[in-house]
Amino acid sequence: MLPLINPPEGFSPIPVQALEGTLIDRFEAMASTHPEEVAVRDSASSLTYRELNQKSNALAGMILAARGQKGEVIAFLAYHS
């Protein structure tokens, strides 16, 4: 890991063991260890890791219920707002 110059207050680097596994595994690890930290932000709003995890799990559930089986490849198109 590269050292940060003047890291933001409250910043804690991700432990190396959290970097193992899939992207989903990594995100779930962040959501469980830092649930109230801001995960994404735009000029009008932000979501914590807990909120983003809940929304992504709800979306995944809707896709599976409407479309198919676990492991099936699907395409997803979203427009930038």
Protein backbone atom coordinates (compact mmCIF):
# COMPACT_ATOMS: atom_id res chain seq x y z
CA MET A 1 0.00 0.00 0.00
CA LEU A 2 1.32 3.43 -0.87
CA PRO A 3 1.55 5.90 2.00
CA LEU A 4 -0.90 8.80 1.85
CA ILE A 5 0.19 12.38 2.20
CA ASN A 6 -2.08 14.11 4.71
CA PRO A 7 -4.80 11.42 4.91
CA PRO A 8 -8.27 12.74 5.73
CA GLU A 9 -9.30 12.78 9.38
CA GLY A 10 -10.72 9.43 10.45
CA PHE A 11 -9.23 7.60 7.46
CA SER A 12 -8.30 4.01 8.11
CA PRO A 13 -6.67 1.96 5.34
CA ILE A 14 -8.29 -1.30 4.27
CA PRO A 15 -6.49 -4.30 5.77
CA VAL A 16 -4.73 -6.45 3.17
CA GLN A 17 -6.90 -9.47 4.03
CA ALA A 18 -9.99 -7.43 3.05
CA LEU A 19 -8.59 -7.15 -0.48
CA GLU A 20 -8.84 -10.89 -1.07
CA GLY A 21 -11.88 -12.27 -2.86
CA THR A 22 -14.29 -10.81 -5.38
CA LEU A 23 -15.36 -7.21 -5.72
CA ILE A 24 -18.62 -8.19 -4.01
CA ASP A 25 -16.66 -9.73 -1.12
CA ARG A 26 -14.61 -6.55 -0.79
CA PHE A 27 -17.70 -4.33 -0.81
CA GLU A 28 -19.48 -6.52 1.75
CA ALA A 29 -16.38 -6.30 3.98
CA MET A 30 -16.45 -2.50 3.80
CA ALA A 31 -20.20 -2.44 4.46
CA SER A 32 -19.77 -4.60 7.56
CA THR A 33 -16.70 -2.83 8.97
CA HIS A 34 -17.64 0.77 8.07
CA PRO A 35 -21.45 0.79 7.72
CA GLU A 36 -21.92 4.48 8.53
CA GLU A 37 -19.04 5.81 6.40
CA VAL A 38 -19.95 7.58 3.16
CA ALA A 39 -19.55 5.20 0.22
CA VAL A 40 -20.69 7.44 -2.65
CA ARG A 41 -21.45 11.13 -2.91
CA ASP A 42 -22.59 13.57 -5.53
CA SER A 43 -23.34 17.28 -5.33
CA ALA A 44 -26.81 16.71 -3.87
CA SER A 45 -26.66 13.59 -1.72
CA SER A 46 -24.62 10.72 -0.33
CA LEU A 47 -25.08 7.09 0.67
CA THR A 48 -23.36 5.21 3.47
CA TYR A 49 -21.99 1.72 2.89
CA ARG A 50 -25.01 0.35 4.76
CA GLU A 51 -27.48 2.25 2.55
CA LEU A 52 -25.64 1.37 -0.67
CA ASN A 53 -25.47 -2.29 0.36
CA GLN A 54 -29.21 -2.36 1.09
CA LYS A 55 -30.04 -0.72 -2.25
CA SER A 56 -27.72 -2.99 -4.24
CA ASN A 57 -29.09 -6.11 -2.53
CA ALA A 58 -32.66 -4.96 -3.26
CA LEU A 59 -31.78 -4.37 -6.93
CA ALA A 60 -30.11 -7.79 -7.17
CA GLY A 61 -33.20 -9.41 -5.65
CA MET A 62 -35.49 -7.67 -8.15
CA ILE A 63 -33.30 -8.74 -11.08
CA LEU A 64 -33.20 -12.36 -9.90
CA ALA A 65 -36.95 -12.42 -9.29
CA ALA A 66 -37.72 -10.94 -12.70
CA ARG A 67 -35.11 -12.55 -14.85
CA GLY A 68 -33.30 -15.61 -13.89
CA GLN A 69 -31.05 -17.83 -11.94
CA LYS A 70 -27.95 -17.20 -9.95
CA GLY A 71 -24.95 -17.26 -12.26
CA GLU A 72 -26.89 -16.24 -15.35
CA VAL A 73 -25.23 -13.39 -17.26
CA ILE A 74 -27.41 -10.32 -17.78
CA ALA A 75 -26.84 -6.88 -19.26
CA PHE A 76 -27.55 -3.74 -17.25
CA LEU A 77 -27.93 -0.28 -18.77
CA ALA A 78 -28.12 2.88 -16.67
CA TYR A 79 -28.14 6.48 -17.75
CA HIS A 80 -26.00 9.09 -16.04
CA SER A 81 -28.14 11.74 -14.41
